[in-house]
Protein backbone atom coordinates (compact mmCIF):
# COMPACT_ATOMS: atom_id res chain seq x y z
CA UNK A 1 103.30 82.66 112.02
CA UNK A 2 102.37 79.03 112.61
CA UNK A 3 101.03 77.80 109.28
CA UNK A 4 99.66 74.47 110.55
CA UNK A 5 95.90 74.36 110.05
CA UNK A 6 95.64 78.00 109.03
CA UNK A 7 92.87 78.88 106.57
CA UNK A 8 94.56 80.40 103.52
CA UNK A 9 93.52 81.94 100.22
CA UNK A 10 96.00 82.37 97.37
CA UNK A 11 94.61 84.19 94.33
CA UNK A 12 96.11 83.56 90.92
CA UNK A 13 96.79 80.11 92.32
CA UNK A 14 96.73 77.84 89.30
CA UNK A 15 100.16 78.61 87.83
CA UNK A 16 103.49 80.27 88.47
CA UNK A 17 104.11 81.84 91.86
CA UNK A 18 100.53 81.26 93.06
CA UNK A 19 100.71 77.52 92.45
CA UNK A 20 104.16 77.37 94.04
CA UNK A 21 102.92 79.25 97.10
CA UNK A 22 99.94 76.93 97.39
CA UNK A 23 102.26 73.91 97.37
CA UNK A 24 104.73 75.42 99.84
CA UNK A 25 102.02 76.51 102.28
CA UNK A 26 100.14 73.20 102.08
CA UNK A 27 103.40 71.33 102.70
CA UNK A 28 103.60 73.17 106.03
CA UNK A 29 100.07 72.24 107.01
CA UNK A 30 98.08 75.23 105.79
CA UNK A 31 94.54 74.59 104.56
CA UNK A 32 94.86 76.20 101.14
CA UNK A 33 92.16 77.56 98.84
CA UNK A 34 93.45 78.51 95.40
CA UNK A 35 91.52 80.99 93.26
CA UNK A 36 92.03 81.30 89.49
CA UNK A 37 90.00 81.93 86.34
CA UNK A 38 90.89 78.80 84.37
CA UNK A 39 89.35 75.62 85.84
CA UNK A 40 91.66 73.17 84.04
CA UNK A 41 95.04 74.34 85.34
CA UNK A 42 93.46 75.06 88.73
CA UNK A 43 92.21 71.47 89.08
CA UNK A 44 95.63 70.14 88.08
CA UNK A 45 97.38 72.23 90.73
CA UNK A 46 94.90 71.20 93.43
CA UNK A 47 95.35 67.53 92.49
CA UNK A 48 99.13 67.83 92.60
CA UNK A 49 99.04 69.32 96.11
CA UNK A 50 96.66 66.63 97.35
CA UNK A 51 98.80 63.85 95.90
CA UNK A 52 101.72 65.32 97.87
CA UNK A 53 99.69 65.05 101.07
CA UNK A 54 98.58 68.66 101.40
CA UNK A 55 95.08 70.08 101.75
CA UNK A 56 93.98 72.19 98.80
CA UNK A 57 90.74 73.37 97.25
CA UNK A 58 90.07 75.29 94.05
CA UNK A 59 87.65 78.09 93.25
CA UNK A 60 87.33 79.04 89.59
CA UNK A 61 86.56 82.75 89.92
CA UNK A 62 87.69 86.05 88.39
CA UNK A 63 89.14 88.61 90.81
CA UNK A 64 88.08 91.35 88.42
CA UNK A 65 84.41 90.41 88.79
CA UNK A 66 82.83 92.23 91.74
CA UNK A 67 80.10 89.60 92.03
CA UNK A 68 82.72 86.90 92.63
CA UNK A 69 84.22 88.36 95.80
CA UNK A 70 81.63 87.28 98.34
CA UNK A 71 81.43 83.86 96.66
CA UNK A 72 85.17 83.50 97.14
CA UNK A 73 85.11 84.64 100.77
CA UNK A 74 82.14 82.45 101.68
CA UNK A 75 83.25 79.32 99.86
CA UNK A 76 86.83 79.56 101.09
CA UNK A 77 85.70 79.88 104.69
CA UNK A 78 83.39 76.89 104.28
CA UNK A 79 86.22 74.82 102.80
CA UNK A 80 89.18 75.84 104.96
CA UNK A 81 87.71 77.46 108.06
CA UNK A 82 88.37 81.06 109.15
CA UNK A 83 90.78 82.73 106.74
CA UNK A 84 93.81 84.08 108.57
CA UNK A 85 96.19 84.28 105.60
CA UNK A 86 95.23 86.03 102.37
CA UNK A 87 97.72 86.25 99.51
CA UNK A 88 96.81 88.63 96.69
CA UNK A 89 98.82 87.14 93.85
CA UNK A 90 96.36 87.39 90.92
CA UNK A 91 97.46 89.94 88.32
CA UNK A 92 96.94 90.88 84.72
CA UNK A 93 99.39 92.69 82.47
CA UNK A 94 96.66 93.93 80.16
CA UNK A 95 96.97 93.28 76.43
CA UNK A 96 100.25 91.86 75.17
CA UNK A 97 102.46 92.83 73.50
CA UNK A 98 102.55 95.58 76.10
CA UNK A 99 101.44 99.00 74.87
CA UNK A 100 102.42 102.59 75.45
CA UNK A 101 99.90 104.42 77.60
CA UNK A 102 98.87 106.54 74.61
CA UNK A 103 97.93 103.32 72.82
CA UNK A 104 96.17 101.73 75.80
CA UNK A 105 92.40 101.51 75.60
CA UNK A 106 90.62 102.95 78.62
CA UNK A 107 88.70 99.71 79.05
CA UNK A 108 91.97 97.73 79.21
CA UNK A 109 93.35 100.14 81.80
CA UNK A 110 90.19 99.75 83.85
CA UNK A 111 90.40 95.95 83.63
CA UNK A 112 94.00 95.99 84.91
CA UNK A 113 93.00 98.11 87.90
CA UNK A 114 89.93 95.93 88.52
CA UNK A 115 91.99 92.74 88.79
CA UNK A 116 95.17 94.10 90.36
CA UNK A 117 93.78 96.66 92.84
CA UNK A 118 90.01 96.75 93.19
CA UNK A 119 89.65 92.97 93.49
CA UNK A 120 92.21 92.77 96.32
CA UNK A 121 90.52 95.70 98.05
CA UNK A 122 87.13 93.99 97.88
CA UNK A 123 88.37 90.62 99.09
CA UNK A 124 90.36 92.14 101.96
CA UNK A 125 87.30 94.18 102.90
CA UNK A 126 85.24 90.97 103.04
CA UNK A 127 87.77 89.11 105.19
CA UNK A 128 89.62 91.67 107.31
CA UNK A 129 86.68 92.37 109.62
CA UNK A 130 86.53 88.77 110.87
CA UNK A 131 90.34 88.82 111.19
CA UNK A 132 90.05 91.90 113.44
CA UNK A 133 87.44 90.17 115.60
CA UNK A 134 89.78 87.17 116.01
CA UNK A 135 92.74 89.48 116.65
CA UNK A 136 94.97 87.87 114.04
CA UNK A 137 95.58 87.65 110.31
CA UNK A 138 98.11 88.40 107.59
CA UNK A 139 97.41 89.90 104.16
CA UNK A 140 100.15 89.66 101.53
CA UNK A 141 100.13 91.85 98.42
CA UNK A 142 102.39 90.55 95.64
CA UNK A 143 104.01 93.61 94.11
CA UNK A 144 106.60 94.27 91.39
CA UNK A 145 109.58 96.50 90.69
CA UNK A 146 107.26 98.16 88.16
CA UNK A 147 105.56 99.71 91.19
CA UNK A 148 108.64 101.77 91.98
CA UNK A 149 110.28 102.20 88.55
CA UNK A 150 108.54 103.50 85.44
CA UNK A 151 109.19 101.28 82.42
CA UNK A 152 107.91 102.16 78.95
CA UNK A 153 104.90 99.99 78.00
CA UNK A 154 104.44 98.79 81.58
CA UNK A 155 102.28 101.79 82.52
CA UNK A 156 98.97 100.10 83.34
CA UNK A 157 100.60 97.29 85.28
CA UNK A 158 103.03 99.60 87.07
CA UNK A 159 100.30 102.02 88.11
CA UNK A 160 98.22 99.13 89.47
CA UNK A 161 101.11 97.74 91.50
CA UNK A 162 102.03 101.16 92.88
CA UNK A 163 98.41 101.55 93.98
CA UNK A 164 98.49 98.06 95.52
CA UNK A 165 101.58 98.99 97.55
CA UNK A 166 99.86 102.11 98.87
CA UNK A 167 96.71 100.13 99.61
CA UNK A 168 98.92 97.85 101.70
CA UNK A 169 100.24 100.82 103.67
CA UNK A 170 96.77 102.30 104.14
CA UNK A 171 95.31 99.05 105.46
CA UNK A 172 98.24 98.71 107.85
CA UNK A 173 97.81 102.25 109.18
CA UNK A 174 94.07 101.88 109.69
CA UNK A 175 94.25 98.44 111.34
CA UNK A 176 97.35 99.11 113.43
CA UNK A 177 97.08 97.39 116.80
CA UNK A 178 94.32 94.98 115.79
CA UNK A 179 96.56 91.95 115.26
CA UNK A 180 95.99 92.03 111.50
CA UNK A 181 99.19 92.63 109.58
CA UNK A 182 99.94 93.61 105.98
CA UNK A 183 103.00 93.25 103.76
CA UNK A 184 103.84 93.90 100.11
CA UNK A 185 106.35 91.48 98.58
CA UNK A 186 108.29 92.10 95.38
CA UNK A 187 109.08 88.58 94.12
CA UNK A 188 111.56 89.74 91.47
CA UNK A 189 111.68 88.50 87.89
CA UNK A 190 110.54 84.91 87.61
CA UNK A 191 110.33 82.24 84.94
CA UNK A 192 106.54 82.38 84.49
CA UNK A 193 104.13 82.56 81.59
CA UNK A 194 103.29 86.14 82.54
CA UNK A 195 106.94 87.16 82.26
CA UNK A 196 107.27 85.31 78.95
CA UNK A 197 104.19 87.13 77.63
CA UNK A 198 105.63 90.48 78.67
CA UNK A 199 109.28 89.89 77.72
CA UNK A 200 109.38 87.01 75.22
CA UNK A 201 113.04 87.64 74.42
CA UNK A 202 114.15 87.07 78.04
CA UNK A 203 116.43 84.11 78.77
CA UNK A 204 114.58 81.83 81.24
CA UNK A 205 117.94 80.81 82.72
CA UNK A 206 118.37 84.34 84.09
CA UNK A 207 115.01 84.29 85.89
CA UNK A 208 114.14 82.98 89.32
CA UNK A 209 112.25 79.72 89.77
CA UNK A 210 108.79 80.47 91.25
CA UNK A 211 109.13 77.57 93.69
CA UNK A 212 112.30 79.10 95.15
CA UNK A 213 110.62 82.49 95.46
CA UNK A 214 107.64 80.85 97.15
CA UNK A 215 109.94 79.27 99.74
CA UNK A 216 111.40 82.69 100.53
CA UNK A 217 107.93 84.19 100.97
CA UNK A 218 106.93 81.34 103.25
CA UNK A 219 110.08 81.98 105.29
CA UNK A 220 108.99 85.60 105.59
CA UNK A 221 105.56 84.51 106.84
CA UNK A 222 107.06 82.15 109.39
CA UNK A 223 109.08 85.03 110.80
CA UNK A 224 106.78 87.94 110.04
CA UNK A 225 107.75 89.70 113.27
CA UNK A 226 110.88 90.83 111.41
CA UNK A 227 108.77 92.91 109.03
CA UNK A 228 106.74 95.93 110.20
CA UNK A 229 103.09 95.89 109.14
CA UNK A 230 102.67 97.91 105.96
CA UNK A 231 106.24 97.32 104.79
CA UNK A 232 107.31 96.60 101.25
CA UNK A 233 110.03 93.95 101.02
CA UNK A 234 111.90 92.02 98.37
CA UNK A 235 111.59 88.24 98.45
CA UNK A 236 115.31 87.95 97.67
CA UNK A 237 116.12 89.42 101.09
CA UNK A 238 114.79 86.31 102.86
CA UNK A 239 116.46 82.94 102.99
CA UNK A 240 114.32 79.88 102.34
CA UNK A 241 114.00 77.51 105.31
CA UNK A 242 112.99 73.84 105.57
């Protein structure tokens, strides 16, 4: 995938892996639109990318809000041109400290699914049709090992990521042969605020740097022919490239 000039959306783009992906993609010439709920950190990330010579724009929107989806799709297209790369990185853990499912409020479970699954479905639905008409496009779903392994207190998050992985496979099956491709990427454990919220006792030195993970994901995108559409891969299996 040639990233130069490509219209790109990265959700959850103000911090952590999303911000690192925005920087890495912009450094390779992508026209990046970052989406996040908090305007302050979002503006800081956009400014940092621009100072480095990249093109970046920010949209302060909530992926869990159904009314925000068409605003995101429309504004991003106006800012960056046709969107041919969509990275679903926005996620919520739900309330922290993490709770057992028996102690999880139904409303909190619904909110986790709204942000982690339904929001990505809606935004892909808004953008995949135009991708099909152009005969090209890549949609990345950022997954987790919690999608494949059941950890106590990670129930809501794990269920949402398992559903996201299957959504990835379903999209790939239905749009096979159209030129639009889908991939789920497990980034591994990273030194982010989300991980610190979930596992405050973890030693940051044992966790991956989001910027290094972002470089591996970008390497995957630059050589996406190595990955079948609908596949689930681990970022650690790809080597970062200049």
